[in-house]
C-alpha atoms as a PDB file:
ATOM      1  CA  UNK A   1     -80.560-152.685 -90.189  1.00  0.00           C
ATOM      2  CA  UNK A   2     -78.824-154.433 -87.221  1.00  0.00           C
ATOM      3  CA  UNK A   3     -77.022-152.708 -84.802  1.00  0.00           C
ATOM      4  CA  UNK A   4     -73.604-154.102 -83.882  1.00  0.00           C
ATOM      5  CA  UNK A   5     -73.186-153.038 -80.531  1.00  0.00           C
ATOM      6  CA  UNK A   6     -71.430-155.163 -77.388  1.00  0.00           C
ATOM      7  CA  UNK A   7     -74.253-155.245 -74.967  1.00  0.00           C
ATOM      8  CA  UNK A   8     -72.061-154.570 -71.764  1.00  0.00           C
ATOM      9  CA  UNK A   9     -72.374-152.974 -68.698  1.00  0.00           C
ATOM     10  CA  UNK A  10     -74.109-149.172 -69.600  1.00  0.00           C
ATOM     11  CA  UNK A  11     -75.277-150.335 -72.690  1.00  0.00           C
ATOM     12  CA  UNK A  12     -76.798-153.597 -72.009  1.00  0.00           C
ATOM     13  CA  UNK A  13     -78.881-151.673 -69.803  1.00  0.00           C
ATOM     14  CA  UNK A  14     -79.577-148.591 -72.023  1.00  0.00           C
ATOM     15  CA  UNK A  15     -80.832-151.289 -74.290  1.00  0.00           C
ATOM     16  CA  UNK A  16     -83.060-152.971 -72.705  1.00  0.00           C
ATOM     17  CA  UNK A  17     -84.440-149.323 -71.367  1.00  0.00           C
ATOM     18  CA  UNK A  18     -85.092-148.424 -75.369  1.00  0.00           C
ATOM     19  CA  UNK A  19     -86.753-151.994 -75.515  1.00  0.00           C
ATOM     20  CA  UNK A  20     -89.145-151.593 -73.410  1.00  0.00           C
ATOM     21  CA  UNK A  21     -90.183-147.642 -73.991  1.00  0.00           C
ATOM     22  CA  UNK A  22     -89.503-147.154 -78.002  1.00  0.00           C
ATOM     23  CA  UNK A  23     -92.747-148.564 -79.721  1.00  0.00           C
ATOM     24  CA  UNK A  24     -91.086-149.426 -83.115  1.00  0.00           C
ATOM     25  CA  UNK A  25     -93.663-152.370 -83.716  1.00  0.00           C
ATOM     26  CA  UNK A  26     -97.276-151.407 -83.338  1.00  0.00           C
ATOM     27  CA  UNK A  27     -98.377-154.723 -82.751  1.00  0.00           C
ATOM     28  CA  UNK A  28     -96.337-154.875 -79.785  1.00  0.00           C
ATOM     29  CA  UNK A  29     -97.297-151.428 -79.003  1.00  0.00           C
ATOM     30  CA  UNK A  30    -101.218-152.173 -78.915  1.00  0.00           C
ATOM     31  CA  UNK A  31    -100.919-155.230 -77.213  1.00  0.00           C
ATOM     32  CA  UNK A  32     -98.690-153.917 -73.959  1.00  0.00           C
ATOM     33  CA  UNK A  33    -101.068-150.899 -73.582  1.00  0.00           C
ATOM     34  CA  UNK A  34    -104.236-153.253 -73.881  1.00  0.00           C
ATOM     35  CA  UNK A  35    -102.588-155.526 -71.339  1.00  0.00           C
ATOM     36  CA  UNK A  36    -101.717-152.953 -69.135  1.00  0.00           C
ATOM     37  CA  UNK A  37    -105.157-150.954 -69.288  1.00  0.00           C
ATOM     38  CA  UNK A  38    -106.931-153.716 -68.526  1.00  0.00           C
ATOM     39  CA  UNK A  39    -104.857-154.699 -65.268  1.00  0.00           C
ATOM     40  CA  UNK A  40    -105.607-151.321 -64.235  1.00  0.00           C
ATOM     41  CA  UNK A  41    -109.378-151.637 -65.299  1.00  0.00           C
ATOM     42  CA  UNK A  42    -109.454-154.721 -62.724  1.00  0.00           C
ATOM     43  CA  UNK A  43    -107.297-153.093 -59.831  1.00  0.00           C
ATOM     44  CA  UNK A  44    -109.760-150.379 -59.730  1.00  0.00           C
ATOM     45  CA  UNK A  45    -112.995-152.951 -59.874  1.00  0.00           C
ATOM     46  CA  UNK A  46    -111.052-154.985 -56.448  1.00  0.00           C
ATOM     47  CA  UNK A  47    -109.079-152.036 -55.058  1.00  0.00           C
ATOM     48  CA  UNK A  48    -109.626-148.427 -56.170  1.00  0.00           C
ATOM     49  CA  UNK A  49    -106.861-146.794 -53.987  1.00  0.00           C
ATOM     50  CA  UNK A  50    -104.038-149.072 -53.764  1.00  0.00           C
ATOM     51  CA  UNK A  51    -105.013-149.430 -58.197  1.00  0.00           C
ATOM     52  CA  UNK A  52    -104.774-145.641 -58.455  1.00  0.00           C
ATOM     53  CA  UNK A  53    -101.411-145.232 -56.643  1.00  0.00           C
ATOM     54  CA  UNK A  54     -99.968-148.349 -58.898  1.00  0.00           C
ATOM     55  CA  UNK A  55    -100.957-146.133 -61.705  1.00  0.00           C
ATOM     56  CA  UNK A  56     -99.295-143.398 -60.624  1.00  0.00           C
ATOM     57  CA  UNK A  57     -96.047-144.684 -59.881  1.00  0.00           C
ATOM     58  CA  UNK A  58     -96.024-147.379 -62.594  1.00  0.00           C
ATOM     59  CA  UNK A  59     -96.736-144.001 -64.586  1.00  0.00           C
ATOM     60  CA  UNK A  60     -93.911-141.926 -63.287  1.00  0.00           C
ATOM     61  CA  UNK A  61     -91.371-144.912 -63.670  1.00  0.00           C
ATOM     62  CA  UNK A  62     -92.627-144.947 -67.304  1.00  0.00           C
ATOM     63  CA  UNK A  63     -92.328-141.861 -67.900  1.00  0.00           C
ATOM     64  CA  UNK A  64     -88.638-141.964 -66.356  1.00  0.00           C
ATOM     65  CA  UNK A  65     -87.443-144.120 -69.447  1.00  0.00           C
ATOM     66  CA  UNK A  66     -85.778-141.382 -71.687  1.00  0.00           C
ATOM     67  CA  UNK A  67     -84.399-139.588 -69.214  1.00  0.00           C
ATOM     68  CA  UNK A  68     -82.569-142.855 -68.004  1.00  0.00           C
ATOM     69  CA  UNK A  69     -81.236-143.978 -71.152  1.00  0.00           C
ATOM     70  CA  UNK A  70     -79.877-140.116 -71.948  1.00  0.00           C
ATOM     71  CA  UNK A  71     -78.087-139.816 -68.260  1.00  0.00           C
ATOM     72  CA  UNK A  72     -76.447-143.889 -69.054  1.00  0.00           C
ATOM     73  CA  UNK A  73     -75.375-142.534 -72.718  1.00  0.00           C
ATOM     74  CA  UNK A  74     -73.678-139.411 -71.591  1.00  0.00           C
ATOM     75  CA  UNK A  75     -72.483-141.231 -68.437  1.00  0.00           C
ATOM     76  CA  UNK A  76     -70.847-143.731 -70.645  1.00  0.00           C
ATOM     77  CA  UNK A  77     -69.001-141.286 -73.344  1.00  0.00           C
ATOM     78  CA  UNK A  78     -66.302-139.003 -73.676  1.00  0.00           C
ATOM     79  CA  UNK A  79     -67.903-136.850 -76.322  1.00  0.00           C
ATOM     80  CA  UNK A  80     -71.529-136.882 -78.082  1.00  0.00           C
ATOM     81  CA  UNK A  81     -69.399-138.909 -81.282  1.00  0.00           C
ATOM     82  CA  UNK A  82     -68.502-141.705 -78.948  1.00  0.00           C
ATOM     83  CA  UNK A  83     -72.439-142.307 -77.890  1.00  0.00           C
ATOM     84  CA  UNK A  84     -73.443-145.599 -79.319  1.00  0.00           C
ATOM     85  CA  UNK A  85     -77.373-145.754 -80.288  1.00  0.00           C
ATOM     86  CA  UNK A  86     -79.204-148.997 -78.878  1.00  0.00           C
ATOM     87  CA  UNK A  87     -82.666-147.706 -79.991  1.00  0.00           C
ATOM     88  CA  UNK A  88     -83.215-148.981 -84.127  1.00  0.00           C
ATOM     89  CA  UNK A  89     -85.844-145.813 -84.056  1.00  0.00           C
ATOM     90  CA  UNK A  90     -83.739-143.416 -83.090  1.00  0.00           C
ATOM     91  CA  UNK A  91     -80.686-144.441 -85.181  1.00  0.00           C
ATOM     92  CA  UNK A  92     -83.367-144.420 -88.414  1.00  0.00           C
ATOM     93  CA  UNK A  93     -83.909-141.098 -87.298  1.00  0.00           C
ATOM     94  CA  UNK A  94     -80.244-140.267 -87.116  1.00  0.00           C
ATOM     95  CA  UNK A  95     -79.235-141.296 -90.116  1.00  0.00           C
ATOM     96  CA  UNK A  96     -81.640-140.150 -92.367  1.00  0.00           C
ATOM     97  CA  UNK A  97     -83.024-136.623 -93.096  1.00  0.00           C
ATOM     98  CA  UNK A  98     -83.239-133.751 -90.933  1.00  0.00           C
ATOM     99  CA  UNK A  99     -86.688-132.457 -90.617  1.00  0.00           C
ATOM    100  CA  UNK A 100     -87.706-128.907 -90.471  1.00  0.00           C
ATOM    101  CA  UNK A 101     -89.880-128.445 -87.276  1.00  0.00           C
ATOM    102  CA  UNK A 102     -92.557-125.874 -87.485  1.00  0.00           C
ATOM    103  CA  UNK A 103     -94.234-125.583 -83.459  1.00  0.00           C
ATOM    104  CA  UNK A 104     -97.850-125.883 -83.285  1.00  0.00           C
ATOM    105  CA  UNK A 105     -98.046-125.682 -79.653  1.00  0.00           C
ATOM    106  CA  UNK A 106     -96.088-124.351 -76.437  1.00  0.00           C
ATOM    107  CA  UNK A 107     -94.505-128.355 -76.442  1.00  0.00           C
ATOM    108  CA  UNK A 108     -93.061-128.446 -79.720  1.00  0.00           C
ATOM    109  CA  UNK A 109     -91.702-124.439 -79.953  1.00  0.00           C
ATOM    110  CA  UNK A 110     -88.751-124.786 -77.788  1.00  0.00           C
ATOM    111  CA  UNK A 111     -87.634-121.307 -78.963  1.00  0.00           C
ATOM    112  CA  UNK A 112     -90.436-119.980 -76.279  1.00  0.00           C
ATOM    113  CA  UNK A 113     -89.700-117.780 -73.856  1.00  0.00           C
ATOM    114  CA  UNK A 114     -88.799-120.277 -70.618  1.00  0.00           C
ATOM    115  CA  UNK A 115     -91.414-118.014 -68.632  1.00  0.00           C
ATOM    116  CA  UNK A 116     -94.360-119.034 -70.782  1.00  0.00           C
ATOM    117  CA  UNK A 117     -92.920-122.903 -70.429  1.00  0.00           C
ATOM    118  CA  UNK A 118     -92.256-123.082 -66.514  1.00  0.00           C
ATOM    119  CA  UNK A 119     -96.250-121.028 -66.254  1.00  0.00           C
ATOM    120  CA  UNK A 120     -97.512-124.157 -68.520  1.00  0.00           C
ATOM    121  CA  UNK A 121     -96.178-126.681 -66.534  1.00  0.00           C
ATOM    122  CA  UNK A 122     -96.586-124.959 -63.205  1.00  0.00           C
ATOM    123  CA  UNK A 123    -100.934-124.841 -64.220  1.00  0.00           C
ATOM    124  CA  UNK A 124    -100.260-128.378 -65.385  1.00  0.00           C
ATOM    125  CA  UNK A 125     -99.075-129.500 -61.905  1.00  0.00           C
ATOM    126  CA  UNK A 126    -101.212-127.840 -59.650  1.00  0.00           C
ATOM    127  CA  UNK A 127    -104.298-128.622 -61.510  1.00  0.00           C
ATOM    128  CA  UNK A 128    -103.469-132.635 -61.631  1.00  0.00           C
ATOM    129  CA  UNK A 129    -102.858-132.089 -58.166  1.00  0.00           C
ATOM    130  CA  UNK A 130    -106.075-130.716 -56.983  1.00  0.00           C
ATOM    131  CA  UNK A 131    -107.944-133.916 -59.112  1.00  0.00           C
ATOM    132  CA  UNK A 132    -105.471-135.909 -56.767  1.00  0.00           C
ATOM    133  CA  UNK A 133    -105.769-134.115 -53.623  1.00  0.00           C
ATOM    134  CA  UNK A 134    -109.594-134.752 -54.385  1.00  0.00           C
ATOM    135  CA  UNK A 135    -109.587-138.220 -54.999  1.00  0.00           C
ATOM    136  CA  UNK A 136    -107.987-139.039 -51.985  1.00  0.00           C
ATOM    137  CA  UNK A 137    -110.011-136.937 -49.748  1.00  0.00           C
ATOM    138  CA  UNK A 138    -113.215-137.624 -50.872  1.00  0.00           C
ATOM    139  CA  UNK A 139    -115.080-140.703 -49.968  1.00  0.00           C
ATOM    140  CA  UNK A 140    -118.019-140.048 -52.222  1.00  0.00           C
ATOM    141  CA  UNK A 141    -117.779-139.625 -56.502  1.00  0.00           C
ATOM    142  CA  UNK A 142    -120.217-137.164 -57.452  1.00  0.00           C
ATOM    143  CA  UNK A 143    -121.440-136.380 -61.025  1.00  0.00           C
ATOM    144  CA  UNK A 144    -122.705-133.469 -62.239  1.00  0.00           C
ATOM    145  CA  UNK A 145    -125.901-134.730 -63.381  1.00  0.00           C
ATOM    146  CA  UNK A 146    -126.012-135.423 -59.698  1.00  0.00           C
END
C-alpha cells in the first residue's frame, strides 16, 4: 500500500528517518547490520580506541532515531489526528487489529511502578559504565583462563 504524503519540511525528514531505522525488509536489515558489523570489526583490528568511540557514538545516534521522529511528528501537528504516518510498518500496525499486551518482563510492563523501572535502568547504566571505564583505562586485556 502506497502512502500518499507530501514530502516537504519535517515530513520529509521524518520519512528519511523512518527509511533508515525501520526494518520492513529482512534483506535490507541483514545486509545493513552485516555491513555495519564488518566495518566495526575491521576498525577494531586497525585502531581499537577510535573504533570503540565511533561505535558508542554511532549506536547512541541510531537509538535517537525514534525519539527524533516522534518529536518532529508532535511538533508539526496540531492534534493526534493530524499526524501523517511516514512509516509503512507504523501505518500497517495502526490500521489493523488491536494487539493485547501480555507483559513478560520489566521492559514490556508499562504499568510497572516507576521506581522499579528507574532502578533497572540505573543499574544497567552503572554496569555499562564500569565496563566502559575499565576498557578505556586498562592497557592490558585478560581472560578468566589466564
